[in-house]
Amino acid sequence: MKSKKKKTKIRLKHKIALFTVYFVLFIALTAMIDYYAYDMINPWIFTVLSFVGAVWATIVHAKSHERTKADELARDLEEIV
């Protein structure tokens, strides 16, 4: 017999908070890369890559159904807003 795993849906507010956490993380990382590249690369490229990376990370996180530190940060962000 297969064990039935209880699937819980993630609320939209939590997904937006997760996206914000991942977006800030990617922006911080790409800002350091841009700083050490001495502004040779257009910052818009890093912004777009950060946005795409945050969307991808949010989707993967939502599908995995595992609690991580990002969930705690997102929960704190939800309480603030």
N, C-alpha and C. Protein backbone atom coordinates (compact mmCIF):
# COMPACT_ATOMS: atom_id res chain seq x y z
N MET A 1 0.82 -1.17 0.00
CA MET A 1 0.00 0.00 0.00
C MET A 1 0.87 1.25 0.00
N LYS A 2 0.44 2.21 -0.73
CA LYS A 2 1.13 3.49 -0.74
C LYS A 2 0.58 4.36 0.37
N SER A 3 1.50 5.01 1.04
CA SER A 3 1.03 5.92 2.08
C SER A 3 0.61 7.24 1.43
N LYS A 4 -0.51 7.71 1.87
CA LYS A 4 -1.01 8.96 1.30
C LYS A 4 -0.43 10.12 2.09
N LYS A 5 0.27 10.96 1.37
CA LYS A 5 0.89 12.12 1.98
C LYS A 5 -0.10 13.28 1.94
N LYS A 6 -0.27 13.90 3.06
CA LYS A 6 -1.21 15.01 3.14
C LYS A 6 -0.58 16.23 2.47
N LYS A 7 -1.20 16.68 1.39
CA LYS A 7 -0.69 17.84 0.68
C LYS A 7 -1.40 19.09 1.16
N THR A 8 -0.62 20.06 1.53
CA THR A 8 -1.18 21.33 1.94
C THR A 8 -0.85 22.37 0.89
N LYS A 9 -1.83 23.18 0.57
CA LYS A 9 -1.61 24.24 -0.39
C LYS A 9 -0.95 25.42 0.30
N ILE A 10 -0.05 26.04 -0.41
CA ILE A 10 0.61 27.23 0.11
C ILE A 10 -0.23 28.44 -0.28
N ARG A 11 -0.48 29.31 0.70
CA ARG A 11 -1.27 30.51 0.43
C ARG A 11 -0.51 31.46 -0.48
N LEU A 12 -1.26 32.27 -1.22
CA LEU A 12 -0.66 33.23 -2.14
C LEU A 12 0.22 34.22 -1.40
N LYS A 13 -0.21 34.64 -0.22
CA LYS A 13 0.58 35.58 0.57
C LYS A 13 1.94 34.99 0.94
N HIS A 14 1.96 33.70 1.25
CA HIS A 14 3.22 33.04 1.60
C HIS A 14 4.11 32.89 0.36
N LYS A 15 3.51 32.62 -0.79
CA LYS A 15 4.29 32.53 -2.03
C LYS A 15 4.93 33.86 -2.38
N ILE A 16 4.19 34.94 -2.19
CA ILE A 16 4.73 36.27 -2.47
C ILE A 16 5.87 36.58 -1.50
N ALA A 17 5.70 36.20 -0.24
CA ALA A 17 6.77 36.42 0.74
C ALA A 17 7.99 35.58 0.41
N LEU A 18 7.78 34.34 -0.02
CA LEU A 18 8.91 33.50 -0.45
C LEU A 18 9.63 34.11 -1.63
N PHE A 19 8.86 34.59 -2.61
CA PHE A 19 9.46 35.23 -3.78
C PHE A 19 10.30 36.43 -3.35
N THR A 20 9.79 37.21 -2.42
CA THR A 20 10.52 38.38 -1.95
C THR A 20 11.83 37.98 -1.27
N VAL A 21 11.80 36.94 -0.46
CA VAL A 21 13.01 36.46 0.21
C VAL A 21 14.03 36.02 -0.82
N TYR A 22 13.61 35.22 -1.79
CA TYR A 22 14.54 34.75 -2.81
C TYR A 22 15.03 35.88 -3.70
N PHE A 23 14.17 36.84 -4.02
CA PHE A 23 14.57 37.96 -4.88
C PHE A 23 15.63 38.81 -4.19
N VAL A 24 15.44 39.09 -2.91
CA VAL A 24 16.43 39.87 -2.16
C VAL A 24 17.75 39.11 -2.10
N LEU A 25 17.69 37.81 -1.90
CA LEU A 25 18.90 37.00 -1.87
C LEU A 25 19.64 37.07 -3.21
N PHE A 26 18.92 36.88 -4.32
CA PHE A 26 19.55 36.93 -5.63
C PHE A 26 20.07 38.33 -5.96
N ILE A 27 19.34 39.36 -5.59
CA ILE A 27 19.79 40.74 -5.84
C ILE A 27 21.09 41.01 -5.07
N ALA A 28 21.16 40.55 -3.82
CA ALA A 28 22.37 40.76 -3.03
C ALA A 28 23.57 40.05 -3.66
N LEU A 29 23.35 38.82 -4.11
CA LEU A 29 24.44 38.07 -4.73
C LEU A 29 24.90 38.72 -6.04
N THR A 30 23.95 39.11 -6.86
CA THR A 30 24.33 39.71 -8.14
C THR A 30 24.91 41.11 -7.95
N ALA A 31 24.52 41.82 -6.89
CA ALA A 31 25.11 43.13 -6.62
C ALA A 31 26.59 42.97 -6.26
N MET A 32 26.92 41.92 -5.53
CA MET A 32 28.34 41.68 -5.23
C MET A 32 29.11 41.32 -6.49
N ILE A 33 28.50 40.53 -7.35
CA ILE A 33 29.16 40.18 -8.62
C ILE A 33 29.36 41.44 -9.46
N ASP A 34 28.35 42.29 -9.51
CA ASP A 34 28.45 43.53 -10.28
C ASP A 34 29.52 44.45 -9.69
N TYR A 35 29.62 44.49 -8.39
CA TYR A 35 30.63 45.32 -7.74
C TYR A 35 32.04 44.86 -8.11
N TYR A 36 32.26 43.56 -8.07
CA TYR A 36 33.59 43.04 -8.37
C TYR A 36 33.87 43.00 -9.87
N ALA A 37 32.84 43.15 -10.69
CA ALA A 37 33.04 43.22 -12.15
C ALA A 37 33.33 44.66 -12.58
N TYR A 38 33.39 45.58 -11.61
CA TYR A 38 33.70 46.99 -11.88
C TYR A 38 32.74 47.60 -12.89
N ASP A 39 31.48 47.29 -12.77
CA ASP A 39 30.42 47.87 -13.60
C ASP A 39 30.65 47.68 -15.10
N MET A 40 31.28 46.59 -15.47
CA MET A 40 31.48 46.31 -16.90
C MET A 40 30.24 45.70 -17.52
N ILE A 41 29.38 45.12 -16.68
CA ILE A 41 28.17 44.45 -17.16
C ILE A 41 26.97 45.32 -16.79
N ASN A 42 26.01 45.40 -17.68
CA ASN A 42 24.82 46.20 -17.46
C ASN A 42 24.04 45.67 -16.24
N PRO A 43 23.70 46.52 -15.26
CA PRO A 43 22.98 46.06 -14.07
C PRO A 43 21.59 45.50 -14.38
N TRP A 44 20.98 45.90 -15.48
CA TRP A 44 19.66 45.36 -15.83
C TRP A 44 19.72 43.86 -16.08
N ILE A 45 20.84 43.39 -16.59
CA ILE A 45 21.01 41.94 -16.80
C ILE A 45 20.93 41.21 -15.47
N PHE A 46 21.59 41.77 -14.46
CA PHE A 46 21.55 41.14 -13.14
C PHE A 46 20.16 41.20 -12.52
N THR A 47 19.46 42.29 -12.75
CA THR A 47 18.10 42.42 -12.22
C THR A 47 17.16 41.39 -12.84
N VAL A 48 17.25 41.25 -14.16
CA VAL A 48 16.41 40.27 -14.86
C VAL A 48 16.77 38.85 -14.42
N LEU A 49 18.07 38.56 -14.34
CA LEU A 49 18.48 37.22 -13.89
C LEU A 49 18.05 36.95 -12.45
N SER A 50 18.07 37.96 -11.61
CA SER A 50 17.61 37.80 -10.23
C SER A 50 16.12 37.52 -10.18
N PHE A 51 15.35 38.23 -11.01
CA PHE A 51 13.91 38.01 -11.06
C PHE A 51 13.59 36.59 -11.53
N VAL A 52 14.24 36.16 -12.60
CA VAL A 52 14.01 34.81 -13.13
C VAL A 52 14.43 33.76 -12.11
N GLY A 53 15.56 33.97 -11.47
CA GLY A 53 16.03 33.03 -10.45
C GLY A 53 15.08 32.95 -9.26
N ALA A 54 14.53 34.09 -8.86
CA ALA A 54 13.60 34.09 -7.73
C ALA A 54 12.30 33.39 -8.08
N VAL A 55 11.82 33.59 -9.31
CA VAL A 55 10.60 32.88 -9.75
C VAL A 55 10.86 31.38 -9.76
N TRP A 56 11.99 30.98 -10.32
CA TRP A 56 12.33 29.56 -10.40
C TRP A 56 12.46 28.95 -8.99
N ALA A 57 13.15 29.64 -8.09
CA ALA A 57 13.35 29.13 -6.73
C ALA A 57 12.03 29.02 -5.98
N THR A 58 11.14 29.98 -6.19
CA THR A 58 9.83 29.94 -5.53
C THR A 58 9.00 28.76 -6.02
N ILE A 59 9.01 28.51 -7.32
CA ILE A 59 8.26 27.38 -7.89
C ILE A 59 8.80 26.06 -7.36
N VAL A 60 10.12 25.91 -7.37
CA VAL A 60 10.72 24.67 -6.88
C VAL A 60 10.44 24.48 -5.40
N HIS A 61 10.52 25.55 -4.64
CA HIS A 61 10.27 25.46 -3.20
C HIS A 61 8.81 25.08 -2.93
N ALA A 62 7.89 25.67 -3.68
CA ALA A 62 6.47 25.37 -3.47
C ALA A 62 6.15 23.92 -3.83
N LYS A 63 6.81 23.39 -4.84
CA LYS A 63 6.55 22.00 -5.23
C LYS A 63 7.19 20.99 -4.29
N SER A 64 8.25 21.37 -3.59
CA SER A 64 8.96 20.42 -2.73
C SER A 64 8.22 20.13 -1.44
N HIS A 65 7.38 21.06 -0.96
CA HIS A 65 6.60 20.89 0.27
C HIS A 65 7.48 20.60 1.49
N GLU A 66 8.68 21.17 1.52
CA GLU A 66 9.56 21.01 2.67
C GLU A 66 9.71 22.35 3.37
N ARG A 67 9.76 22.31 4.70
CA ARG A 67 9.94 23.53 5.48
C ARG A 67 11.44 23.84 5.57
N THR A 68 11.80 25.07 5.24
CA THR A 68 13.19 25.49 5.30
C THR A 68 13.29 26.82 6.03
N LYS A 69 14.50 27.34 6.13
CA LYS A 69 14.72 28.63 6.75
C LYS A 69 14.03 29.74 5.95
N ALA A 70 13.90 29.55 4.64
CA ALA A 70 13.21 30.54 3.81
C ALA A 70 11.75 30.67 4.23
N ASP A 71 11.13 29.57 4.66
CA ASP A 71 9.75 29.63 5.15
C ASP A 71 9.65 30.47 6.43
N GLU A 72 10.64 30.32 7.30
CA GLU A 72 10.63 31.12 8.53
C GLU A 72 10.79 32.60 8.21
N LEU A 73 11.70 32.92 7.29
CA LEU A 73 11.89 34.31 6.90
C LEU A 73 10.64 34.87 6.23
N ALA A 74 9.99 34.05 5.39
CA ALA A 74 8.76 34.48 4.73
C ALA A 74 7.65 34.70 5.75
N ARG A 75 7.56 33.85 6.74
CA ARG A 75 6.54 34.00 7.79
C ARG A 75 6.77 35.29 8.56
N ASP A 76 8.05 35.59 8.86
CA ASP A 76 8.36 36.85 9.54
C ASP A 76 7.98 38.04 8.67
N LEU A 77 8.23 37.94 7.39
CA LEU A 77 7.88 39.00 6.46
C LEU A 77 6.37 39.19 6.37
N GLU A 78 5.62 38.09 6.39
CA GLU A 78 4.16 38.17 6.39
C GLU A 78 3.64 38.90 7.62
N GLU A 79 4.25 38.65 8.77
CA GLU A 79 3.82 39.29 10.01
C GLU A 79 4.09 40.79 9.96
N ILE A 80 5.18 41.19 9.33
CA ILE A 80 5.51 42.61 9.24
C ILE A 80 4.52 43.33 8.35
N VAL A 81 4.20 42.71 7.22
CA VAL A 81 3.28 43.34 6.26
C VAL A 81 1.89 43.00 6.67
